[in-house]
PDB file of all heavy atoms in Angstrom:
ATOM      1  N   LYS A   1      -6.403 -72.356   4.631  1.00  0.00           N
ATOM      2  CA  LYS A   1      -6.016 -71.802   5.931  1.00  0.00           C
ATOM      3  C   LYS A   1      -7.163 -71.005   6.539  1.00  0.00           C
ATOM      4  O   LYS A   1      -7.452 -71.128   7.741  1.00  0.00           O
ATOM      5  CB  LYS A   1      -4.787 -70.906   5.775  1.00  0.00           C
ATOM      6  CG  LYS A   1      -4.308 -70.292   7.085  1.00  0.00           C
ATOM      7  CD  LYS A   1      -2.969 -69.597   6.933  1.00  0.00           C
ATOM      8  CE  LYS A   1      -3.097 -68.290   6.185  1.00  0.00           C
ATOM      9  NZ  LYS A   1      -1.830 -67.519   6.196  1.00  0.00           N
ATOM     10  N   PHE A   2      -7.840 -70.217   5.717  1.00  0.00           N
ATOM     11  CA  PHE A   2      -8.963 -69.439   6.234  1.00  0.00           C
ATOM     12  C   PHE A   2     -10.073 -70.358   6.731  1.00  0.00           C
ATOM     13  O   PHE A   2     -10.700 -70.100   7.766  1.00  0.00           O
ATOM     14  CB  PHE A   2      -9.502 -68.498   5.152  1.00  0.00           C
ATOM     15  CG  PHE A   2      -8.475 -67.549   4.596  1.00  0.00           C
ATOM     16  CD1 PHE A   2      -8.483 -67.198   3.255  1.00  0.00           C
ATOM     17  CD2 PHE A   2      -7.492 -67.017   5.414  1.00  0.00           C
ATOM     18  CE1 PHE A   2      -7.544 -66.329   2.751  1.00  0.00           C
ATOM     19  CE2 PHE A   2      -6.536 -66.146   4.911  1.00  0.00           C
ATOM     20  CZ  PHE A   2      -6.562 -65.803   3.576  1.00  0.00           C
ATOM     21  N   TRP A   3     -10.316 -71.442   5.991  1.00  0.00           N
ATOM     22  CA  TRP A   3     -11.392 -72.349   6.374  1.00  0.00           C
ATOM     23  C   TRP A   3     -11.067 -73.081   7.685  1.00  0.00           C
ATOM     24  O   TRP A   3     -11.960 -73.304   8.503  1.00  0.00           O
ATOM     25  CB  TRP A   3     -11.650 -73.352   5.248  1.00  0.00           C
ATOM     26  CG  TRP A   3     -12.802 -74.273   5.516  1.00  0.00           C
ATOM     27  CD1 TRP A   3     -12.766 -75.595   5.824  1.00  0.00           C
ATOM     28  CD2 TRP A   3     -14.191 -73.915   5.503  1.00  0.00           C
ATOM     29  NE1 TRP A   3     -14.018 -76.096   6.011  1.00  0.00           N
ATOM     30  CE2 TRP A   3     -14.928 -75.084   5.822  1.00  0.00           C
ATOM     31  CE3 TRP A   3     -14.875 -72.730   5.255  1.00  0.00           C
ATOM     32  CZ2 TRP A   3     -16.314 -75.094   5.892  1.00  0.00           C
ATOM     33  CZ3 TRP A   3     -16.264 -72.734   5.330  1.00  0.00           C
ATOM     34  CH2 TRP A   3     -16.963 -73.910   5.643  1.00  0.00           C
ATOM     35  N   ARG A   4      -9.802 -73.438   7.861  1.00  0.00           N
ATOM     36  CA  ARG A   4      -9.410 -74.106   9.111  1.00  0.00           C
ATOM     37  C   ARG A   4      -9.668 -73.213  10.332  1.00  0.00           C
ATOM     38  O   ARG A   4      -9.950 -73.711  11.421  1.00  0.00           O
ATOM     39  CB  ARG A   4      -7.925 -74.482   9.070  1.00  0.00           C
ATOM     40  CG  ARG A   4      -7.603 -75.683   8.220  1.00  0.00           C
ATOM     41  CD  ARG A   4      -6.219 -76.239   8.541  1.00  0.00           C
ATOM     42  NE  ARG A   4      -5.173 -75.224   8.435  1.00  0.00           N
ATOM     43  CZ  ARG A   4      -4.501 -74.965   7.323  1.00  0.00           C
ATOM     44  NH1 ARG A   4      -4.774 -75.636   6.212  1.00  0.00           N
ATOM     45  NH2 ARG A   4      -3.558 -74.043   7.300  1.00  0.00           N
ATOM     46  N   HIS A   5      -9.586 -71.911  10.128  1.00  0.00           N
ATOM     47  CA  HIS A   5      -9.773 -70.963  11.238  1.00  0.00           C
ATOM     48  C   HIS A   5     -11.127 -70.265  11.165  1.00  0.00           C
ATOM     49  O   HIS A   5     -11.302 -69.184  11.724  1.00  0.00           O
ATOM     50  CB  HIS A   5      -8.653 -69.922  11.219  1.00  0.00           C
ATOM     51  CG  HIS A   5      -7.297 -70.489  11.491  1.00  0.00           C
ATOM     52  ND1 HIS A   5      -6.833 -70.736  12.769  1.00  0.00           N
ATOM     53  CD2 HIS A   5      -6.302 -70.860  10.642  1.00  0.00           C
ATOM     54  CE1 HIS A   5      -5.602 -71.225  12.704  1.00  0.00           C
ATOM     55  NE2 HIS A   5      -5.255 -71.319  11.429  1.00  0.00           N
ATOM     56  N   ARG A   6     -12.115 -70.919  10.522  1.00  0.00           N
ATOM     57  CA  ARG A   6     -13.409 -70.285  10.323  1.00  0.00           C
ATOM     58  C   ARG A   6     -14.157 -70.028  11.625  1.00  0.00           C
ATOM     59  O   ARG A   6     -15.087 -69.209  11.663  1.00  0.00           O
ATOM     60  CB  ARG A   6     -14.277 -71.141   9.393  1.00  0.00           C
ATOM     61  CG  ARG A   6     -14.620 -72.516   9.943  1.00  0.00           C
ATOM     62  CD  ARG A   6     -15.314 -73.366   8.887  1.00  0.00           C
ATOM     63  NE  ARG A   6     -15.678 -74.695   9.376  1.00  0.00           N
ATOM     64  CZ  ARG A   6     -14.859 -75.723   9.467  1.00  0.00           C
ATOM     65  NH1 ARG A   6     -13.584 -75.575   9.086  1.00  0.00           N
ATOM     66  NH2 ARG A   6     -15.270 -76.890   9.918  1.00  0.00           N
ATOM     67  N   THR A   7     -13.789 -70.715  12.694  1.00  0.00           N
ATOM     68  CA  THR A   7     -14.469 -70.506  13.979  1.00  0.00           C
ATOM     69  C   THR A   7     -13.860 -69.351  14.773  1.00  0.00           C
ATOM     70  O   THR A   7     -14.384 -68.978  15.815  1.00  0.00           O
ATOM     71  CB  THR A   7     -14.401 -71.789  14.829  1.00  0.00           C
ATOM     72  OG1 THR A   7     -13.029 -72.163  15.031  1.00  0.00           O
ATOM     73  CG2 THR A   7     -15.135 -72.933  14.138  1.00  0.00           C
ATOM     74  N   THR A   8     -12.760 -68.776  14.295  1.00  0.00           N
ATOM     75  CA  THR A   8     -12.130 -67.646  14.975  1.00  0.00           C
ATOM     76  C   THR A   8     -12.576 -66.340  14.321  1.00  0.00           C
ATOM     77  O   THR A   8     -13.037 -66.328  13.169  1.00  0.00           O
ATOM     78  CB  THR A   8     -10.595 -67.731  14.899  1.00  0.00           C
ATOM     79  OG1 THR A   8     -10.181 -67.568  13.529  1.00  0.00           O
ATOM     80  CG2 THR A   8     -10.110 -69.085  15.417  1.00  0.00           C
ATOM     81  N   SER A   9     -12.442 -65.235  15.053  1.00  0.00           N
ATOM     82  CA  SER A   9     -12.813 -63.940  14.490  1.00  0.00           C
ATOM     83  C   SER A   9     -11.930 -63.606  13.296  1.00  0.00           C
ATOM     84  O   SER A   9     -12.388 -63.014  12.318  1.00  0.00           O
ATOM     85  CB  SER A   9     -12.693 -62.849  15.559  1.00  0.00           C
ATOM     86  OG  SER A   9     -11.367 -62.785  16.060  1.00  0.00           O
ATOM     87  N   TRP A  10     -10.666 -64.012  13.356  1.00  0.00           N
ATOM     88  CA  TRP A  10      -9.743 -63.768  12.253  1.00  0.00           C
ATOM     89  C   TRP A  10     -10.201 -64.510  11.001  1.00  0.00           C
ATOM     90  O   TRP A  10     -10.253 -63.944   9.902  1.00  0.00           O
ATOM     91  CB  TRP A  10      -8.334 -64.227  12.642  1.00  0.00           C
ATOM     92  CG  TRP A  10      -7.300 -64.084  11.560  1.00  0.00           C
ATOM     93  CD1 TRP A  10      -6.535 -62.990  11.306  1.00  0.00           C
ATOM     94  CD2 TRP A  10      -6.914 -65.083  10.601  1.00  0.00           C
ATOM     95  NE1 TRP A  10      -5.695 -63.227  10.239  1.00  0.00           N
ATOM     96  CE2 TRP A  10      -5.904 -64.502   9.790  1.00  0.00           C
ATOM     97  CE3 TRP A  10      -7.310 -66.386  10.346  1.00  0.00           C
ATOM     98  CZ2 TRP A  10      -5.288 -65.198   8.753  1.00  0.00           C
ATOM     99  CZ3 TRP A  10      -6.704 -67.075   9.309  1.00  0.00           C
ATOM    100  CH2 TRP A  10      -5.712 -66.486   8.530  1.00  0.00           C
ATOM    101  N   GLY A  11     -10.544 -65.787  11.135  1.00  0.00           N
ATOM    102  CA  GLY A  11     -10.983 -66.586   9.996  1.00  0.00           C
ATOM    103  C   GLY A  11     -12.272 -66.060   9.402  1.00  0.00           C
ATOM    104  O   GLY A  11     -12.418 -65.977   8.175  1.00  0.00           O
ATOM    105  N   ARG A  12     -13.234 -65.710  10.272  1.00  0.00           N
ATOM    106  CA  ARG A  12     -14.508 -65.180   9.771  1.00  0.00           C
ATOM    107  C   ARG A  12     -14.296 -63.865   9.028  1.00  0.00           C
ATOM    108  O   ARG A  12     -14.941 -63.596   8.018  1.00  0.00           O
ATOM    109  CB  ARG A  12     -15.486 -65.000  10.929  1.00  0.00           C
ATOM    110  CG  ARG A  12     -16.016 -66.311  11.503  1.00  0.00           C
ATOM    111  CD  ARG A  12     -17.206 -66.072  12.413  1.00  0.00           C
ATOM    112  NE  ARG A  12     -16.817 -65.302  13.603  1.00  0.00           N
ATOM    113  CZ  ARG A  12     -16.391 -65.843  14.745  1.00  0.00           C
ATOM    114  NH1 ARG A  12     -16.300 -67.169  14.842  1.00  0.00           N
ATOM    115  NH2 ARG A  12     -16.076 -65.095  15.773  1.00  0.00           N
ATOM    116  N   TYR A  13     -13.379 -63.044   9.532  1.00  0.00           N
ATOM    117  CA  TYR A  13     -13.080 -61.765   8.891  1.00  0.00           C
ATOM    118  C   TYR A  13     -12.511 -61.992   7.493  1.00  0.00           C
ATOM    119  O   TYR A  13     -12.955 -61.371   6.516  1.00  0.00           O
ATOM    120  CB  TYR A  13     -12.078 -60.999   9.762  1.00  0.00           C
ATOM    121  CG  TYR A  13     -11.756 -59.597   9.293  1.00  0.00           C
ATOM    122  CD1 TYR A  13     -12.455 -58.503   9.785  1.00  0.00           C
ATOM    123  CD2 TYR A  13     -10.731 -59.368   8.374  1.00  0.00           C
ATOM    124  CE1 TYR A  13     -12.147 -57.215   9.375  1.00  0.00           C
ATOM    125  CE2 TYR A  13     -10.416 -58.093   7.949  1.00  0.00           C
ATOM    126  CZ  TYR A  13     -11.119 -57.012   8.450  1.00  0.00           C
ATOM    127  OH  TYR A  13     -10.806 -55.742   8.047  1.00  0.00           O
ATOM    128  N   LYS A  14     -11.521 -62.885   7.381  1.00  0.00           N
ATOM    129  CA  LYS A  14     -10.888 -63.150   6.101  1.00  0.00           C
ATOM    130  C   LYS A  14     -11.881 -63.735   5.093  1.00  0.00           C
ATOM    131  O   LYS A  14     -11.875 -63.375   3.903  1.00  0.00           O
ATOM    132  CB  LYS A  14      -9.705 -64.108   6.288  1.00  0.00           C
ATOM    133  CG  LYS A  14      -8.511 -63.498   7.015  1.00  0.00           C
ATOM    134  CD  LYS A  14      -7.770 -62.520   6.132  1.00  0.00           C
ATOM    135  CE  LYS A  14      -6.464 -62.073   6.753  1.00  0.00           C
ATOM    136  NZ  LYS A  14      -5.703 -61.152   5.873  1.00  0.00           N
ATOM    137  N   ILE A  15     -12.721 -64.652   5.544  1.00  0.00           N
ATOM    138  CA  ILE A  15     -13.704 -65.265   4.650  1.00  0.00           C
ATOM    139  C   ILE A  15     -14.750 -64.237   4.218  1.00  0.00           C
ATOM    140  O   ILE A  15     -15.132 -64.164   3.041  1.00  0.00           O
ATOM    141  CB  ILE A  15     -14.372 -66.468   5.338  1.00  0.00           C
ATOM    142  CG1 ILE A  15     -13.345 -67.602   5.525  1.00  0.00           C
ATOM    143  CG2 ILE A  15     -15.560 -66.965   4.516  1.00  0.00           C
ATOM    144  CD1 ILE A  15     -13.853 -68.764   6.352  1.00  0.00           C
ATOM    145  N   SER A  16     -15.202 -63.413   5.164  1.00  0.00           N
ATOM    146  CA  SER A  16     -16.211 -62.395   4.846  1.00  0.00           C
ATOM    147  C   SER A  16     -15.687 -61.397   3.827  1.00  0.00           C
ATOM    148  O   SER A  16     -16.412 -60.987   2.908  1.00  0.00           O
ATOM    149  CB  SER A  16     -16.629 -61.656   6.128  1.00  0.00           C
ATOM    150  OG  SER A  16     -17.226 -62.532   7.051  1.00  0.00           O
ATOM    151  N   ILE A  17     -14.428 -60.996   3.983  1.00  0.00           N
ATOM    152  CA  ILE A  17     -13.823 -60.063   3.021  1.00  0.00           C
ATOM    153  C   ILE A  17     -13.846 -60.654   1.620  1.00  0.00           C
ATOM    154  O   ILE A  17     -14.124 -59.962   0.629  1.00  0.00           O
ATOM    155  CB  ILE A  17     -12.373 -59.731   3.439  1.00  0.00           C
ATOM    156  CG1 ILE A  17     -12.366 -58.775   4.631  1.00  0.00           C
ATOM    157  CG2 ILE A  17     -11.588 -59.150   2.262  1.00  0.00           C
ATOM    158  CD1 ILE A  17     -12.825 -57.383   4.317  1.00  0.00           C
ATOM    159  N   ARG A  18     -13.596 -61.950   1.514  1.00  0.00           N
ATOM    160  CA  ARG A  18     -13.573 -62.588   0.196  1.00  0.00           C
ATOM    161  C   ARG A  18     -14.966 -62.744  -0.392  1.00  0.00           C
ATOM    162  O   ARG A  18     -15.122 -62.705  -1.617  1.00  0.00           O
ATOM    163  CB  ARG A  18     -12.831 -63.936   0.302  1.00  0.00           C
ATOM    164  CG  ARG A  18     -11.333 -63.716   0.251  1.00  0.00           C
ATOM    165  CD  ARG A  18     -10.500 -64.750   0.936  1.00  0.00           C
ATOM    166  NE  ARG A  18      -9.080 -64.392   0.783  1.00  0.00           N
ATOM    167  CZ  ARG A  18      -8.476 -63.450   1.515  1.00  0.00           C
ATOM    168  NH1 ARG A  18      -9.169 -62.802   2.444  1.00  0.00           N
ATOM    169  NH2 ARG A  18      -7.205 -63.144   1.316  1.00  0.00           N
ATOM    170  N   VAL A  19     -15.960 -62.925   0.447  1.00  0.00           N
ATOM    171  CA  VAL A  19     -17.341 -62.948  -0.048  1.00  0.00           C
ATOM    172  C   VAL A  19     -17.712 -61.580  -0.614  1.00  0.00           C
ATOM    173  O   VAL A  19     -18.311 -61.465  -1.690  1.00  0.00           O
ATOM    174  CB  VAL A  19     -18.303 -63.347   1.080  1.00  0.00           C
ATOM    175  CG1 VAL A  19     -19.760 -63.179   0.626  1.00  0.00           C
ATOM    176  CG2 VAL A  19     -18.054 -64.789   1.517  1.00  0.00           C
ATOM    177  N   VAL A  20     -17.319 -60.518   0.106  1.00  0.00           N
ATOM    178  CA  VAL A  20     -17.562 -59.153  -0.380  1.00  0.00           C
ATOM    179  C   VAL A  20     -16.805 -58.917  -1.682  1.00  0.00           C
ATOM    180  O   VAL A  20     -17.339 -58.344  -2.638  1.00  0.00           O
ATOM    181  CB  VAL A  20     -17.136 -58.119   0.686  1.00  0.00           C
ATOM    182  CG1 VAL A  20     -17.177 -56.701   0.115  1.00  0.00           C
ATOM    183  CG2 VAL A  20     -18.027 -58.225   1.918  1.00  0.00           C
ATOM    184  N   ALA A  21     -15.543 -59.382  -1.746  1.00  0.00           N
ATOM    185  CA  ALA A  21     -14.745 -59.214  -2.959  1.00  0.00           C
ATOM    186  C   ALA A  21     -15.375 -59.944  -4.141  1.00  0.00           C
ATOM    187  O   ALA A  21     -15.364 -59.432  -5.275  1.00  0.00           O
ATOM    188  CB  ALA A  21     -13.324 -59.720  -2.720  1.00  0.00           C
ATOM    189  N   LEU A  22     -15.938 -61.137  -3.898  1.00  0.00           N
ATOM    190  CA  LEU A  22     -16.590 -61.885  -4.967  1.00  0.00           C
ATOM    191  C   LEU A  22     -17.791 -61.111  -5.512  1.00  0.00           C
ATOM    192  O   LEU A  22     -17.976 -61.009  -6.732  1.00  0.00           O
ATOM    193  CB  LEU A  22     -17.038 -63.248  -4.449  1.00  0.00           C
ATOM    194  CG  LEU A  22     -17.851 -64.107  -5.429  1.00  0.00           C
ATOM    195  CD1 LEU A  22     -17.052 -64.378  -6.696  1.00  0.00           C
ATOM    196  CD2 LEU A  22     -18.268 -65.425  -4.763  1.00  0.00           C
ATOM    197  N   ALA A  23     -18.587 -60.528  -4.611  1.00  0.00           N
ATOM    198  CA  ALA A  23     -19.727 -59.720  -5.057  1.00  0.00           C
ATOM    199  C   ALA A  23     -19.251 -58.515  -5.864  1.00  0.00           C
ATOM    200  O   ALA A  23     -19.846 -58.159  -6.893  1.00  0.00           O
ATOM    201  CB  ALA A  23     -20.537 -59.253  -3.845  1.00  0.00           C
ATOM    202  N   ALA A  24     -18.149 -57.904  -5.425  1.00  0.00           N
ATOM    203  CA  ALA A  24     -17.609 -56.751  -6.134  1.00  0.00           C
ATOM    204  C   ALA A  24     -17.121 -57.146  -7.525  1.00  0.00           C
ATOM    205  O   ALA A  24     -17.292 -56.402  -8.497  1.00  0.00           O
ATOM    206  CB  ALA A  24     -16.467 -56.137  -5.331  1.00  0.00           C
ATOM    207  N   ILE A  25     -16.504 -58.320  -7.634  1.00  0.00           N
ATOM    208  CA  ILE A  25     -16.010 -58.809  -8.931  1.00  0.00           C
ATOM    209  C   ILE A  25     -17.170 -59.001  -9.895  1.00  0.00           C
ATOM    210  O   ILE A  25     -17.087 -58.655 -11.078  1.00  0.00           O
ATOM    211  CB  ILE A  25     -15.243 -60.128  -8.742  1.00  0.00           C
ATOM    212  CG1 ILE A  25     -13.918 -59.862  -8.024  1.00  0.00           C
ATOM    213  CG2 ILE A  25     -14.989 -60.802 -10.084  1.00  0.00           C
ATOM    214  CD1 ILE A  25     -13.284 -61.104  -7.469  1.00  0.00           C
ATOM    215  N   LEU A  26     -18.270 -59.553  -9.400  1.00  0.00           N
ATOM    216  CA  LEU A  26     -19.438 -59.773 -10.253  1.00  0.00           C
ATOM    217  C   LEU A  26     -20.002 -58.444 -10.741  1.00  0.00           C
ATOM    218  O   LEU A  26     -20.408 -58.312 -11.901  1.00  0.00           O
ATOM    219  CB  LEU A  26     -20.498 -60.570  -9.492  1.00  0.00           C
ATOM    220  CG  LEU A  26     -20.096 -61.998  -9.093  1.00  0.00           C
ATOM    221  CD1 LEU A  26     -21.210 -62.659  -8.289  1.00  0.00           C
ATOM    222  CD2 LEU A  26     -19.761 -62.832 -10.328  1.00  0.00           C
ATOM    223  N   LEU A  27     -20.011 -57.433  -9.867  1.00  0.00           N
ATOM    224  CA  LEU A  27     -20.493 -56.115 -10.261  1.00  0.00           C
ATOM    225  C   LEU A  27     -19.558 -55.474 -11.284  1.00  0.00           C
ATOM    226  O   LEU A  27     -20.000 -54.881 -12.269  1.00  0.00           O
ATOM    227  CB  LEU A  27     -20.614 -55.201  -9.033  1.00  0.00           C
ATOM    228  CG  LEU A  27     -21.758 -55.460  -8.067  1.00  0.00           C
ATOM    229  CD1 LEU A  27     -21.638 -54.524  -6.867  1.00  0.00           C
ATOM    230  CD2 LEU A  27     -23.109 -55.274  -8.746  1.00  0.00           C
ATOM    231  N   ALA A  28     -18.257 -55.595 -11.041  1.00  0.00           N
ATOM    232  CA  ALA A  28     -17.277 -54.923 -11.886  1.00  0.00           C
ATOM    233  C   ALA A  28     -17.147 -55.548 -13.269  1.00  0.00           C
ATOM    234  O   ALA A  28     -16.885 -54.847 -14.250  1.00  0.00           O
ATOM    235  CB  ALA A  28     -15.915 -54.908 -11.186  1.00  0.00           C
ATOM    236  N   ASN A  29     -17.337 -56.873 -13.361  1.00  0.00           N
ATOM    237  CA  ASN A  29     -17.118 -57.565 -14.630  1.00  0.00           C
ATOM    238  C   ASN A  29     -18.394 -57.915 -15.384  1.00  0.00           C
ATOM    239  O   ASN A  29     -18.338 -58.297 -16.556  1.00  0.00           O
ATOM    240  CB  ASN A  29     -16.305 -58.844 -14.383  1.00  0.00           C
ATOM    241  CG  ASN A  29     -14.875 -58.540 -13.987  1.00  0.00           C
ATOM    242  OD1 ASN A  29     -14.091 -58.039 -14.776  1.00  0.00           O
ATOM    243  ND2 ASN A  29     -14.534 -58.832 -12.743  1.00  0.00           N
ATOM    244  N   GLU A  30     -19.552 -57.827 -14.716  1.00  0.00           N
ATOM    245  CA  GLU A  30     -20.848 -58.093 -15.347  1.00  0.00           C
ATOM    246  C   GLU A  30     -20.838 -59.368 -16.184  1.00  0.00           C
ATOM    247  O   GLU A  30     -21.089 -59.336 -17.397  1.00  0.00           O
ATOM    248  CB  GLU A  30     -21.253 -56.900 -16.229  1.00  0.00           C
ATOM    249  CG  GLU A  30     -21.411 -55.596 -15.457  1.00  0.00           C
ATOM    250  CD  GLU A  30     -21.804 -54.423 -16.344  1.00  0.00           C
ATOM    251  OE1 GLU A  30     -21.230 -54.295 -17.442  1.00  0.00           O
ATOM    252  OE2 GLU A  30     -22.675 -53.658 -15.940  1.00  0.00           O
ATOM    253  N   PRO A  31     -20.532 -60.521 -15.563  1.00  0.00           N
ATOM    254  CA  PRO A  31     -20.404 -61.758 -16.341  1.00  0.00           C
ATOM    255  C   PRO A  31     -21.698 -62.217 -16.994  1.00  0.00           C
ATOM    256  O   PRO A  31     -21.665 -63.022 -17.922  1.00  0.00           O
ATOM    257  CB  PRO A  31     -19.930 -62.775 -15.284  1.00  0.00           C
ATOM    258  CG  PRO A  31     -20.393 -62.221 -13.981  1.00  0.00           C
ATOM    259  CD  PRO A  31     -20.291 -60.734 -14.135  1.00  0.00           C
ATOM    260  N   TRP A  32     -22.827 -61.698 -16.547  1.00  0.00           N
ATOM    261  CA  TRP A  32     -24.111 -62.098 -17.121  1.00  0.00           C
ATOM    262  C   TRP A  32     -24.302 -61.554 -18.538  1.00  0.00           C
ATOM    263  O   TRP A  32     -25.230 -61.937 -19.230  1.00  0.00           O
ATOM    264  CB  TRP A  32     -25.248 -61.613 -16.232  1.00  0.00           C
ATOM    265  CG  TRP A  32     -25.100 -60.182 -15.798  1.00  0.00           C
ATOM    266  CD1 TRP A  32     -25.439 -59.050 -16.484  1.00  0.00           C
ATOM    267  CD2 TRP A  32     -24.520 -59.740 -14.570  1.00  0.00           C
ATOM    268  NE1 TRP A  32     -25.120 -57.937 -15.765  1.00  0.00           N
ATOM    269  CE2 TRP A  32     -24.567 -58.315 -14.583  1.00  0.00           C
ATOM    270  CE3 TRP A  32     -23.988 -60.387 -13.461  1.00  0.00           C
ATOM    271  CZ2 TRP A  32     -24.082 -57.544 -13.521  1.00  0.00           C
ATOM    272  CZ3 TRP A  32     -23.508 -59.627 -12.412  1.00  0.00           C
ATOM    273  CH2 TRP A  32     -23.553 -58.221 -12.434  1.00  0.00           C
ATOM    274  N   ASN A  33     -23.395 -60.665 -18.985  1.00  0.00           N
ATOM    275  CA  ASN A  33     -23.510 -60.111 -20.333  1.00  0.00           C
ATOM    276  C   ASN A  33     -22.868 -60.998 -21.405  1.00  0.00           C
ATOM    277  O   ASN A  33     -22.932 -60.684 -22.588  1.00  0.00           O
ATOM    278  CB  ASN A  33     -22.861 -58.716 -20.395  1.00  0.00           C
ATOM    279  CG  ASN A  33     -23.679 -57.681 -19.640  1.00  0.00           C
ATOM    280  OD1 ASN A  33     -24.892 -57.814 -19.513  1.00  0.00           O
ATOM    281  ND2 ASN A  33     -23.012 -56.655 -19.128  1.00  0.00           N
ATOM    282  N   GLY A  34     -22.210 -62.079 -20.998  1.00  0.00           N
ATOM    283  CA  GLY A  34     -21.542 -62.953 -21.953  1.00  0.00           C
ATOM    284  C   GLY A  34     -22.406 -64.133 -22.360  1.00  0.00           C
ATOM    285  O   GLY A  34     -23.513 -64.328 -21.856  1.00  0.00           O
ATOM    286  N   GLU A  35     -21.906 -64.914 -23.312  1.00  0.00           N
ATOM    287  CA  GLU A  35     -22.580 -66.127 -23.762  1.00  0.00           C
ATOM    288  C   GLU A  35     -21.687 -67.322 -23.461  1.00  0.00           C
ATOM    289  O   GLU A  35     -20.520 -67.346 -23.843  1.00  0.00           O
ATOM    290  CB  GLU A  35     -22.882 -66.053 -25.266  1.00  0.00           C
ATOM    291  CG  GLU A  35     -23.849 -64.937 -25.641  1.00  0.00           C
ATOM    292  CD  GLU A  35     -24.168 -64.932 -27.130  1.00  0.00           C
ATOM    293  OE1 GLU A  35     -23.665 -65.839 -27.830  1.00  0.00           O
ATOM    294  OE2 GLU A  35     -24.906 -64.042 -27.572  1.00  0.00           O
ATOM    295  N   ALA A  36     -22.245 -68.314 -22.783  1.00  0.00           N
ATOM    296  CA  ALA A  36     -21.456 -69.462 -22.347  1.00  0.00           C
ATOM    297  C   ALA A  36     -21.297 -70.483 -23.472  1.00  0.00           C
ATOM    298  O   ALA A  36     -22.235 -70.758 -24.223  1.00  0.00           O
ATOM    299  CB  ALA A  36     -22.121 -70.127 -21.144  1.00  0.00           C
ATOM    300  N   THR A  37     -20.087 -71.012 -23.602  1.00  0.00           N
ATOM    301  CA  THR A  37     -19.813 -72.148 -24.482  1.00  0.00           C
ATOM    302  C   THR A  37     -18.964 -73.135 -23.689  1.00  0.00           C
ATOM    303  O   THR A  37     -18.205 -72.731 -22.802  1.00  0.00           O
ATOM    304  CB  THR A  37     -19.054 -71.734 -25.749  1.00  0.00           C
ATOM    305  OG1 THR A  37     -17.733 -71.301 -25.393  1.00  0.00           O
ATOM    306  CG2 THR A  37     -19.776 -70.600 -26.478  1.00  0.00           C
ATOM    307  N   VAL A  38     -19.089 -74.406 -24.007  1.00  0.00           N
ATOM    308  CA  VAL A  38     -18.331 -75.420 -23.273  1.00  0.00           C
ATOM    309  C   VAL A  38     -16.819 -75.240 -23.438  1.00  0.00           C
ATOM    310  O   VAL A  38     -16.075 -75.233 -22.451  1.00  0.00           O
ATOM    311  CB  VAL A  38     -18.767 -76.839 -23.699  1.00  0.00           C
ATOM    312  CG1 VAL A  38     -17.860 -77.888 -23.058  1.00  0.00           C
ATOM    313  CG2 VAL A  38     -20.221 -77.079 -23.295  1.00  0.00           C
ATOM    314  N   PRO A  39     -16.300 -75.075 -24.679  1.00  0.00           N
ATOM    315  CA  PRO A  39     -14.853 -74.867 -24.811  1.00  0.00           C
ATOM    316  C   PRO A  39     -14.366 -73.622 -24.061  1.00  0.00           C
ATOM    317  O   PRO A  39     -13.310 -73.632 -23.439  1.00  0.00           O
ATOM    318  CB  PRO A  39     -14.653 -74.709 -26.321  1.00  0.00           C
ATOM    319  CG  PRO A  39     -15.828 -75.402 -26.933  1.00  0.00           C
ATOM    320  CD  PRO A  39     -16.962 -75.141 -25.996  1.00  0.00           C
ATOM    321  N   GLY A  40     -15.155 -72.543 -24.106  1.00  0.00           N
ATOM    322  CA  GLY A  40     -14.773 -71.330 -23.404  1.00  0.00           C
ATOM    323  C   GLY A  40     -14.762 -71.530 -21.901  1.00  0.00           C
ATOM    324  O   GLY A  40     -13.868 -71.020 -21.203  1.00  0.00           O
ATOM    325  N   ALA A  41     -15.743 -72.276 -21.395  1.00  0.00           N
ATOM    326  CA  ALA A  41     -15.791 -72.541 -19.962  1.00  0.00           C
ATOM    327  C   ALA A  41     -14.611 -73.388 -19.510  1.00  0.00           C
ATOM    328  O   ALA A  41     -14.018 -73.148 -18.446  1.00  0.00           O
ATOM    329  CB  ALA A  41     -17.111 -73.240 -19.608  1.00  0.00           C
ATOM    330  N   VAL A  42     -14.235 -74.378 -20.313  1.00  0.00           N
ATOM    331  CA  VAL A  42     -13.080 -75.217 -19.988  1.00  0.00           C
ATOM    332  C   VAL A  42     -11.808 -74.373 -19.952  1.00  0.00           C
ATOM    333  O   VAL A  42     -10.980 -74.483 -19.042  1.00  0.00           O
ATOM    334  CB  VAL A  42     -12.934 -76.364 -21.010  1.00  0.00           C
ATOM    335  CG1 VAL A  42     -11.618 -77.102 -20.798  1.00  0.00           C
ATOM    336  CG2 VAL A  42     -14.106 -77.332 -20.886  1.00  0.00           C
ATOM    337  N   ALA A  43     -11.655 -73.500 -20.948  1.00  0.00           N
ATOM    338  CA  ALA A  43     -10.483 -72.624 -20.986  1.00  0.00           C
ATOM    339  C   ALA A  43     -10.450 -71.703 -19.770  1.00  0.00           C
ATOM    340  O   ALA A  43      -9.381 -71.434 -19.213  1.00  0.00           O
ATOM    341  CB  ALA A  43     -10.482 -71.799 -22.272  1.00  0.00           C
ATOM    342  N   ALA A  44     -11.616 -71.227 -19.333  1.00  0.00           N
ATOM    343  CA  ALA A  44     -11.681 -70.341 -18.164  1.00  0.00           C
ATOM    344  C   ALA A  44     -11.272 -71.083 -16.894  1.00  0.00           C
ATOM    345  O   ALA A  44     -10.579 -70.529 -16.026  1.00  0.00           O
ATOM    346  CB  ALA A  44     -13.091 -69.771 -18.016  1.00  0.00           C
ATOM    347  N   VAL A  45     -11.699 -72.340 -16.766  1.00  0.00           N
ATOM    348  CA  VAL A  45     -11.330 -73.137 -15.592  1.00  0.00           C
ATOM    349  C   VAL A  45      -9.818 -73.374 -15.558  1.00  0.00           C
ATOM    350  O   VAL A  45      -9.175 -73.267 -14.505  1.00  0.00           O
ATOM    351  CB  VAL A  45     -12.086 -74.480 -15.594  1.00  0.00           C
ATOM    352  CG1 VAL A  45     -11.536 -75.408 -14.508  1.00  0.00           C
ATOM    353  CG2 VAL A  45     -13.578 -74.242 -15.361  1.00  0.00           C
TER     354      VAL A  45
END
């Protein structure tokens, strides 16, 4: 729904908030401190 309205101010606002939230999640969870494994990645998906 947000993508369908990406050309409106409302859609851009909603998408931008989620980009900011994604950056905040990366800061809060520090995923770069883990070690990747294929089974673990599949389970995460």
